[in-house]
């Protein structure tokens, strides 16, 4: 697995707690959330972002860009 940069998110209505991207190179954007039942949920964007774009979104905390590209359950888990 690639080394990931992990960032906590501010409180939001979607229950998402963290986002992550690959430290180097192109990357999907990973999201972690907690369901209303308290279960961990792991997602990733369906689209790939260039390193520059992924880092810009990551540092700005713009996790909502994942919704525009679509997202799916991720097999990359336990990173936060």
PDB file of N, CA and C in Angstrom:
ATOM      1  N   UNK A   1       0.845  -1.191   0.000  1.00  0.00           N
ATOM      2  CA  UNK A   1       0.000   0.000   0.000  1.00  0.00           C
ATOM      3  C   UNK A   1       0.884   1.246   0.000  1.00  0.00           C
ATOM      4  N   UNK A   2       0.452   2.246  -0.749  1.00  0.00           N
ATOM      5  CA  UNK A   2       1.165   3.515  -0.775  1.00  0.00           C
ATOM      6  C   UNK A   2       1.099   4.176   0.592  1.00  0.00           C
ATOM      7  N   UNK A   3       2.114   4.983   0.890  1.00  0.00           N
ATOM      8  CA  UNK A   3       2.079   5.771   2.118  1.00  0.00           C
ATOM      9  C   UNK A   3       1.050   6.881   1.918  1.00  0.00           C
ATOM     10  N   UNK A   4       0.176   7.063   2.908  1.00  0.00           N
ATOM     11  CA  UNK A   4      -0.911   8.031   2.801  1.00  0.00           C
ATOM     12  C   UNK A   4      -0.712   9.223   3.717  1.00  0.00           C
ATOM     13  N   UNK A   5      -1.161  10.378   3.239  1.00  0.00           N
ATOM     14  CA  UNK A   5      -1.290  11.568   4.076  1.00  0.00           C
ATOM     15  C   UNK A   5      -2.715  11.543   4.608  1.00  0.00           C
ATOM     16  N   UNK A   6      -2.888  11.661   5.898  1.00  0.00           N
ATOM     17  CA  UNK A   6      -4.208  11.563   6.527  1.00  0.00           C
ATOM     18  C   UNK A   6      -4.541  12.869   7.238  1.00  0.00           C
ATOM     19  N   UNK A   7      -5.773  13.337   7.033  1.00  0.00           N
ATOM     20  CA  UNK A   7      -6.199  14.615   7.610  1.00  0.00           C
ATOM     21  C   UNK A   7      -7.554  14.445   8.288  1.00  0.00           C
ATOM     22  N   UNK A   8      -7.695  14.895   9.539  1.00  0.00           N
ATOM     23  CA  UNK A   8      -9.031  14.894  10.156  1.00  0.00           C
ATOM     24  C   UNK A   8      -9.885  15.988   9.518  1.00  0.00           C
ATOM     25  N   UNK A   9     -11.169  15.714   9.399  1.00  0.00           N
ATOM     26  CA  UNK A   9     -12.100  16.683   8.835  1.00  0.00           C
ATOM     27  C   UNK A   9     -12.894  17.350   9.956  1.00  0.00           C
ATOM     28  N   UNK A  10     -13.336  18.560   9.686  1.00  0.00           N
ATOM     29  CA  UNK A  10     -14.198  19.232  10.661  1.00  0.00           C
ATOM     30  C   UNK A  10     -15.545  18.511  10.676  1.00  0.00           C
ATOM     31  N   UNK A  11     -16.279  18.682  11.746  1.00  0.00           N
ATOM     32  CA  UNK A  11     -17.564  18.009  11.893  1.00  0.00           C
ATOM     33  C   UNK A  11     -18.472  18.360  10.723  1.00  0.00           C
ATOM     34  N   UNK A  12     -19.170  17.359  10.209  1.00  0.00           N
ATOM     35  CA  UNK A  12     -20.048  17.570   9.061  1.00  0.00           C
ATOM     36  C   UNK A  12     -21.267  16.660   9.171  1.00  0.00           C
ATOM     37  N   UNK A  13     -22.287  16.943   8.389  1.00  0.00           N
ATOM     38  CA  UNK A  13     -23.540  16.190   8.465  1.00  0.00           C
ATOM     39  C   UNK A  13     -23.451  14.822   7.804  1.00  0.00           C
ATOM     40  N   UNK A  14     -22.403  14.569   7.050  1.00  0.00           N
ATOM     41  CA  UNK A  14     -22.266  13.296   6.344  1.00  0.00           C
ATOM     42  C   UNK A  14     -21.591  12.220   7.193  1.00  0.00           C
ATOM     43  N   UNK A  15     -21.089  12.599   8.353  1.00  0.00           N
ATOM     44  CA  UNK A  15     -20.436  11.625   9.220  1.00  0.00           C
ATOM     45  C   UNK A  15     -19.032  11.255   8.790  1.00  0.00           C
ATOM     46  N   UNK A  16     -18.428  12.055   7.904  1.00  0.00           N
ATOM     47  CA  UNK A  16     -17.060  11.786   7.454  1.00  0.00           C
ATOM     48  C   UNK A  16     -16.072  12.388   8.443  1.00  0.00           C
ATOM     49  N   UNK A  17     -15.081  11.617   8.819  1.00  0.00           N
ATOM     50  CA  UNK A  17     -14.153  12.059   9.858  1.00  0.00           C
ATOM     51  C   UNK A  17     -12.740  12.333   9.358  1.00  0.00           C
ATOM     52  N   UNK A  18     -12.312  11.651   8.287  1.00  0.00           N
ATOM     53  CA  UNK A  18     -10.945  11.803   7.787  1.00  0.00           C
ATOM     54  C   UNK A  18     -10.904  11.676   6.264  1.00  0.00           C
ATOM     55  N   UNK A  19      -9.905  12.294   5.673  1.00  0.00           N
ATOM     56  CA  UNK A  19      -9.622  12.075   4.258  1.00  0.00           C
ATOM     57  C   UNK A  19      -8.148  11.754   4.121  1.00  0.00           C
ATOM     58  N   UNK A  20      -7.801  11.090   3.037  1.00  0.00           N
ATOM     59  CA  UNK A  20      -6.407  10.713   2.814  1.00  0.00           C
ATOM     60  C   UNK A  20      -6.116  10.668   1.319  1.00  0.00           C
ATOM     61  N   UNK A  21      -4.846  10.882   0.986  1.00  0.00           N
ATOM     62  CA  UNK A  21      -4.366  10.757  -0.386  1.00  0.00           C
ATOM     63  C   UNK A  21      -2.995  10.097  -0.333  1.00  0.00           C
ATOM     64  N   UNK A  22      -2.550   9.597  -1.490  1.00  0.00           N
ATOM     65  CA  UNK A  22      -1.194   9.069  -1.578  1.00  0.00           C
ATOM     66  C   UNK A  22      -0.220  10.220  -1.361  1.00  0.00           C
ATOM     67  N   UNK A  23       0.863   9.942  -0.651  1.00  0.00           N
ATOM     68  CA  UNK A  23       1.848  10.980  -0.368  1.00  0.00           C
ATOM     69  C   UNK A  23       2.495  11.501  -1.651  1.00  0.00           C
ATOM     70  N   UNK A  24       2.727  10.607  -2.628  1.00  0.00           N
ATOM     71  CA  UNK A  24       3.367  11.004  -3.890  1.00  0.00           C
ATOM     72  C   UNK A  24       2.625  10.384  -5.054  1.00  0.00           C
ATOM     73  N   UNK A  25       2.615  11.086  -6.168  1.00  0.00           N
ATOM     74  CA  UNK A  25       2.006  10.571  -7.389  1.00  0.00           C
ATOM     75  C   UNK A  25       0.504  10.791  -7.443  1.00  0.00           C
ATOM     76  N   UNK A  26      -0.078  10.348  -8.551  1.00  0.00           N
ATOM     77  CA  UNK A  26      -1.525  10.445  -8.717  1.00  0.00           C
ATOM     78  C   UNK A  26      -2.216   9.608  -7.647  1.00  0.00           C
ATOM     79  N   UNK A  27      -3.435  10.005  -7.309  1.00  0.00           N
ATOM     80  CA  UNK A  27      -4.109   9.329  -6.202  1.00  0.00           C
ATOM     81  C   UNK A  27      -5.615   9.439  -6.310  1.00  0.00           C
ATOM     82  N   UNK A  28      -6.292   8.416  -5.819  1.00  0.00           N
ATOM     83  CA  UNK A  28      -7.710   8.567  -5.511  1.00  0.00           C
ATOM     84  C   UNK A  28      -7.758   9.304  -4.179  1.00  0.00           C
ATOM     85  N   UNK A  29      -8.918   9.805  -3.812  1.00  0.00           N
ATOM     86  CA  UNK A  29      -9.081  10.431  -2.503  1.00  0.00           C
ATOM     87  C   UNK A  29      -9.870   9.461  -1.637  1.00  0.00           C
ATOM     88  N   UNK A  30      -9.311   9.130  -0.492  1.00  0.00           N
ATOM     89  CA  UNK A  30      -9.930   8.204   0.436  1.00  0.00           C
ATOM     90  C   UNK A  30     -10.699   8.974   1.500  1.00  0.00           C
ATOM     91  N   UNK A  31     -11.840   8.431   1.899  1.00  0.00           N
ATOM     92  CA  UNK A  31     -12.641   9.031   2.967  1.00  0.00           C
ATOM     93  C   UNK A  31     -12.979   7.973   4.006  1.00  0.00           C
ATOM     94  N   UNK A  32     -12.984   8.402   5.248  1.00  0.00           N
ATOM     95  CA  UNK A  32     -13.410   7.530   6.345  1.00  0.00           C
ATOM     96  C   UNK A  32     -14.591   8.201   7.019  1.00  0.00           C
ATOM     97  N   UNK A  33     -15.588   7.404   7.323  1.00  0.00           N
ATOM     98  CA  UNK A  33     -16.760   7.911   8.021  1.00  0.00           C
ATOM     99  C   UNK A  33     -17.200   6.934   9.089  1.00  0.00           C
ATOM    100  N   UNK A  34     -18.119   7.387   9.908  1.00  0.00           N
ATOM    101  CA  UNK A  34     -18.700   6.547  10.943  1.00  0.00           C
ATOM    102  C   UNK A  34     -20.210   6.587  10.751  1.00  0.00           C
ATOM    103  N   UNK A  35     -20.822   5.401  10.639  1.00  0.00           N
ATOM    104  CA  UNK A  35     -22.268   5.322  10.430  1.00  0.00           C
ATOM    105  C   UNK A  35     -23.012   5.745  11.690  1.00  0.00           C
ATOM    106  N   UNK A  36     -24.305   5.912  11.565  1.00  0.00           N
ATOM    107  CA  UNK A  36     -25.128   6.277  12.725  1.00  0.00           C
ATOM    108  C   UNK A  36     -25.088   5.190  13.792  1.00  0.00           C
ATOM    109  N   UNK A  37     -24.766   3.959  13.383  1.00  0.00           N
ATOM    110  CA  UNK A  37     -24.644   2.841  14.319  1.00  0.00           C
ATOM    111  C   UNK A  37     -23.236   2.745  14.909  1.00  0.00           C
ATOM    112  N   UNK A  38     -22.353   3.661  14.508  1.00  0.00           N
ATOM    113  CA  UNK A  38     -20.994   3.686  15.039  1.00  0.00           C
ATOM    114  C   UNK A  38     -20.014   2.788  14.315  1.00  0.00           C
ATOM    115  N   UNK A  39     -20.368   2.308  13.123  1.00  0.00           N
ATOM    116  CA  UNK A  39     -19.489   1.431  12.356  1.00  0.00           C
ATOM    117  C   UNK A  39     -18.592   2.234  11.424  1.00  0.00           C
ATOM    118  N   UNK A  40     -17.333   1.805  11.297  1.00  0.00           N
ATOM    119  CA  UNK A  40     -16.406   2.444  10.373  1.00  0.00           C
ATOM    120  C   UNK A  40     -16.825   2.178   8.938  1.00  0.00           C
ATOM    121  N   UNK A  41     -16.687   3.203   8.096  1.00  0.00           N
ATOM    122  CA  UNK A  41     -16.991   3.086   6.679  1.00  0.00           C
ATOM    123  C   UNK A  41     -15.834   3.687   5.898  1.00  0.00           C
ATOM    124  N   UNK A  42     -15.387   2.979   4.870  1.00  0.00           N
ATOM    125  CA  UNK A  42     -14.224   3.379   4.083  1.00  0.00           C
ATOM    126  C   UNK A  42     -14.630   3.555   2.620  1.00  0.00           C
ATOM    127  N   UNK A  43     -14.293   4.698   2.042  1.00  0.00           N
ATOM    128  CA  UNK A  43     -14.656   5.017   0.659  1.00  0.00           C
ATOM    129  C   UNK A  43     -13.442   5.542  -0.088  1.00  0.00           C
ATOM    130  N   UNK A  44     -13.548   5.519  -1.415  1.00  0.00           N
ATOM    131  CA  UNK A  44     -12.532   6.158  -2.249  1.00  0.00           C
ATOM    132  C   UNK A  44     -13.205   6.714  -3.497  1.00  0.00           C
ATOM    133  N   UNK A  45     -12.588   7.728  -4.058  1.00  0.00           N
ATOM    134  CA  UNK A  45     -13.132   8.323  -5.278  1.00  0.00           C
ATOM    135  C   UNK A  45     -12.994   7.329  -6.423  1.00  0.00           C
ATOM    136  N   UNK A  46     -13.931   7.398  -7.360  1.00  0.00           N
ATOM    137  CA  UNK A  46     -13.846   6.536  -8.539  1.00  0.00           C
ATOM    138  C   UNK A  46     -12.814   7.079  -9.527  1.00  0.00           C
ATOM    139  N   UNK A  47     -12.570   8.375  -9.458  1.00  0.00           N
ATOM    140  CA  UNK A  47     -11.615   9.001 -10.369  1.00  0.00           C
ATOM    141  C   UNK A  47     -10.244   9.166  -9.730  1.00  0.00           C
ATOM    142  N   UNK A  48      -9.246   9.235 -10.578  1.00  0.00           N
ATOM    143  CA  UNK A  48      -7.862   9.457 -10.147  1.00  0.00           C
ATOM    144  C   UNK A  48      -7.556  10.950 -10.295  1.00  0.00           C
ATOM    145  N   UNK A  49      -6.867  11.504  -9.317  1.00  0.00           N
ATOM    146  CA  UNK A  49      -6.473  12.913  -9.333  1.00  0.00           C
ATOM    147  C   UNK A  49      -4.963  13.004  -9.519  1.00  0.00           C
ATOM    148  N   UNK A  50      -4.513  14.025 -10.243  1.00  0.00           N
ATOM    149  CA  UNK A  50      -3.072  14.239 -10.359  1.00  0.00           C
ATOM    150  C   UNK A  50      -2.516  14.567  -8.975  1.00  0.00           C
ATOM    151  N   UNK A  51      -1.230  14.412  -8.817  1.00  0.00           N
ATOM    152  CA  UNK A  51      -0.612  14.705  -7.518  1.00  0.00           C
ATOM    153  C   UNK A  51      -0.920  16.132  -7.078  1.00  0.00           C
ATOM    154  N   UNK A  52      -0.778  17.079  -7.988  1.00  0.00           N
ATOM    155  CA  UNK A  52      -1.002  18.486  -7.635  1.00  0.00           C
ATOM    156  C   UNK A  52      -2.457  18.727  -7.214  1.00  0.00           C
ATOM    157  N   UNK A  53      -3.395  18.210  -7.988  1.00  0.00           N
ATOM    158  CA  UNK A  53      -4.810  18.411  -7.676  1.00  0.00           C
ATOM    159  C   UNK A  53      -5.184  17.721  -6.367  1.00  0.00           C
ATOM    160  N   UNK A  54      -4.724  16.491  -6.184  1.00  0.00           N
ATOM    161  CA  UNK A  54      -5.022  15.758  -4.947  1.00  0.00           C
ATOM    162  C   UNK A  54      -4.491  16.512  -3.733  1.00  0.00           C
ATOM    163  N   UNK A  55      -3.275  17.027  -3.831  1.00  0.00           N
ATOM    164  CA  UNK A  55      -2.691  17.768  -2.709  1.00  0.00           C
ATOM    165  C   UNK A  55      -3.443  19.067  -2.451  1.00  0.00           C
ATOM    166  N   UNK A  56      -3.855  19.753  -3.513  1.00  0.00           N
ATOM    167  CA  UNK A  56      -4.630  20.992  -3.334  1.00  0.00           C
ATOM    168  C   UNK A  56      -5.938  20.717  -2.598  1.00  0.00           C
ATOM    169  N   UNK A  57      -6.661  19.692  -3.020  1.00  0.00           N
ATOM    170  CA  UNK A  57      -7.917  19.343  -2.355  1.00  0.00           C
ATOM    171  C   UNK A  57      -7.677  18.889  -0.921  1.00  0.00           C
ATOM    172  N   UNK A  58      -6.637  18.108  -0.723  1.00  0.00           N
ATOM    173  CA  UNK A  58      -6.315  17.593   0.614  1.00  0.00           C
ATOM    174  C   UNK A  58      -6.024  18.739   1.581  1.00  0.00           C
ATOM    175  N   UNK A  59      -5.115  19.630   1.200  1.00  0.00           N
ATOM    176  CA  UNK A  59      -4.730  20.713   2.119  1.00  0.00           C
ATOM    177  C   UNK A  59      -5.868  21.700   2.363  1.00  0.00           C
ATOM    178  N   UNK A  60      -6.798  21.815   1.392  1.00  0.00           N
ATOM    179  CA  UNK A  60      -7.958  22.692   1.576  1.00  0.00           C
ATOM    180  C   UNK A  60      -9.099  21.965   2.299  1.00  0.00           C
ATOM    181  N   UNK A  61      -8.975  20.658   2.493  1.00  0.00           N
ATOM    182  CA  UNK A  61     -10.034  19.886   3.147  1.00  0.00           C
ATOM    183  C   UNK A  61     -11.270  19.716   2.282  1.00  0.00           C
ATOM    184  N   UNK A  62     -11.092  19.780   0.966  1.00  0.00           N
ATOM    185  CA  UNK A  62     -12.233  19.734   0.037  1.00  0.00           C
ATOM    186  C   UNK A  62     -12.618  18.289  -0.303  1.00  0.00           C
ATOM    187  N   UNK A  63     -13.158  17.600   0.667  1.00  0.00           N
ATOM    188  CA  UNK A  63     -13.550  16.204   0.467  1.00  0.00           C
ATOM    189  C   UNK A  63     -14.758  16.054  -0.449  1.00  0.00           C
ATOM    190  N   UNK A  64     -15.544  17.102  -0.624  1.00  0.00           N
ATOM    191  CA  UNK A  64     -16.773  16.997  -1.419  1.00  0.00           C
ATOM    192  C   UNK A  64     -16.494  16.770  -2.905  1.00  0.00           C
ATOM    193  N   UNK A  65     -15.268  17.008  -3.373  1.00  0.00           N
ATOM    194  CA  UNK A  65     -14.948  16.745  -4.782  1.00  0.00           C
ATOM    195  C   UNK A  65     -15.121  15.264  -5.108  1.00  0.00           C
ATOM    196  N   UNK A  66     -15.027  14.415  -4.107  1.00  0.00           N
ATOM    197  CA  UNK A  66     -15.197  12.975  -4.315  1.00  0.00           C
ATOM    198  C   UNK A  66     -16.613  12.680  -4.798  1.00  0.00           C
ATOM    199  N   UNK A  67     -17.593  13.420  -4.308  1.00  0.00           N
ATOM    200  CA  UNK A  67     -18.984  13.166  -4.683  1.00  0.00           C
ATOM    201  C   UNK A  67     -19.224  13.456  -6.160  1.00  0.00           C
ATOM    202  N   UNK A  68     -18.541  14.461  -6.713  1.00  0.00           N
ATOM    203  CA  UNK A  68     -18.709  14.818  -8.121  1.00  0.00           C
ATOM    204  C   UNK A  68     -18.199  13.706  -9.039  1.00  0.00           C
ATOM    205  N   UNK A  69     -17.110  13.054  -8.644  1.00  0.00           N
ATOM    206  CA  UNK A  69     -16.549  11.971  -9.462  1.00  0.00           C
ATOM    207  C   UNK A  69     -17.184  10.631  -9.156  1.00  0.00           C
ATOM    208  N   UNK A  70     -17.904  10.566  -8.083  1.00  0.00           N
ATOM    209  CA  UNK A  70     -18.464   9.304  -7.637  1.00  0.00           C
ATOM    210  C   UNK A  70     -17.516   8.637  -6.658  1.00  0.00           C
ATOM    211  N   UNK A  71     -18.066   7.779  -5.808  1.00  0.00           N
ATOM    212  CA  UNK A  71     -17.231   7.079  -4.842  1.00  0.00           C
ATOM    213  C   UNK A  71     -17.735   5.663  -4.668  1.00  0.00           C
ATOM    214  N   UNK A  72     -16.850   4.832  -4.171  1.00  0.00           N
ATOM    215  CA  UNK A  72     -17.203   3.439  -3.934  1.00  0.00           C
ATOM    216  C   UNK A  72     -16.584   2.999  -2.621  1.00  0.00           C
ATOM    217  N   UNK A  73     -17.066   1.868  -2.110  1.00  0.00           N
ATOM    218  CA  UNK A  73     -16.461   1.320  -0.894  1.00  0.00           C
ATOM    219  C   UNK A  73     -15.019   0.983  -1.211  1.00  0.00           C
ATOM    220  N   UNK A  74     -14.147   1.234  -0.267  1.00  0.00           N
ATOM    221  CA  UNK A  74     -12.725   1.038  -0.477  1.00  0.00           C
ATOM    222  C   UNK A  74     -12.228  -0.231   0.209  1.00  0.00           C
ATOM    223  N   UNK A  75     -11.265  -0.874  -0.435  1.00  0.00           N
ATOM    224  CA  UNK A  75     -10.600  -2.017   0.192  1.00  0.00           C
ATOM    225  C   UNK A  75      -9.370  -1.545   0.972  1.00  0.00           C
ATOM    226  N   UNK A  76      -9.032  -0.264   0.811  1.00  0.00           N
ATOM    227  CA  UNK A  76      -7.934   0.335   1.582  1.00  0.00           C
ATOM    228  C   UNK A  76      -8.553   0.864   2.889  1.00  0.00           C
ATOM    229  N   UNK A  77      -8.284   0.181   3.972  1.00  0.00           N
ATOM    230  CA  UNK A  77      -8.922   0.515   5.243  1.00  0.00           C
ATOM    231  C   UNK A  77      -7.886   0.635   6.366  1.00  0.00           C
ATOM    232  N   UNK A  78      -8.359   0.995   7.521  1.00  0.00           N
ATOM    233  CA  UNK A  78      -7.537   1.072   8.737  1.00  0.00           C
ATOM    234  C   UNK A  78      -6.348   2.029   8.615  1.00  0.00           C
ATOM    235  N   UNK A  79      -6.548   3.140   7.939  1.00  0.00           N
ATOM    236  CA  UNK A  79      -5.472   4.123   7.802  1.00  0.00           C
ATOM    237  C   UNK A  79      -5.633   5.313   8.758  1.00  0.00           C
ATOM    238  N   UNK A  80      -6.684   5.347   9.526  1.00  0.00           N
ATOM    239  CA  UNK A  80      -6.807   6.435  10.519  1.00  0.00           C
ATOM    240  C   UNK A  80      -7.265   5.896  11.841  1.00  0.00           C
TER     241      UNK A  80
END
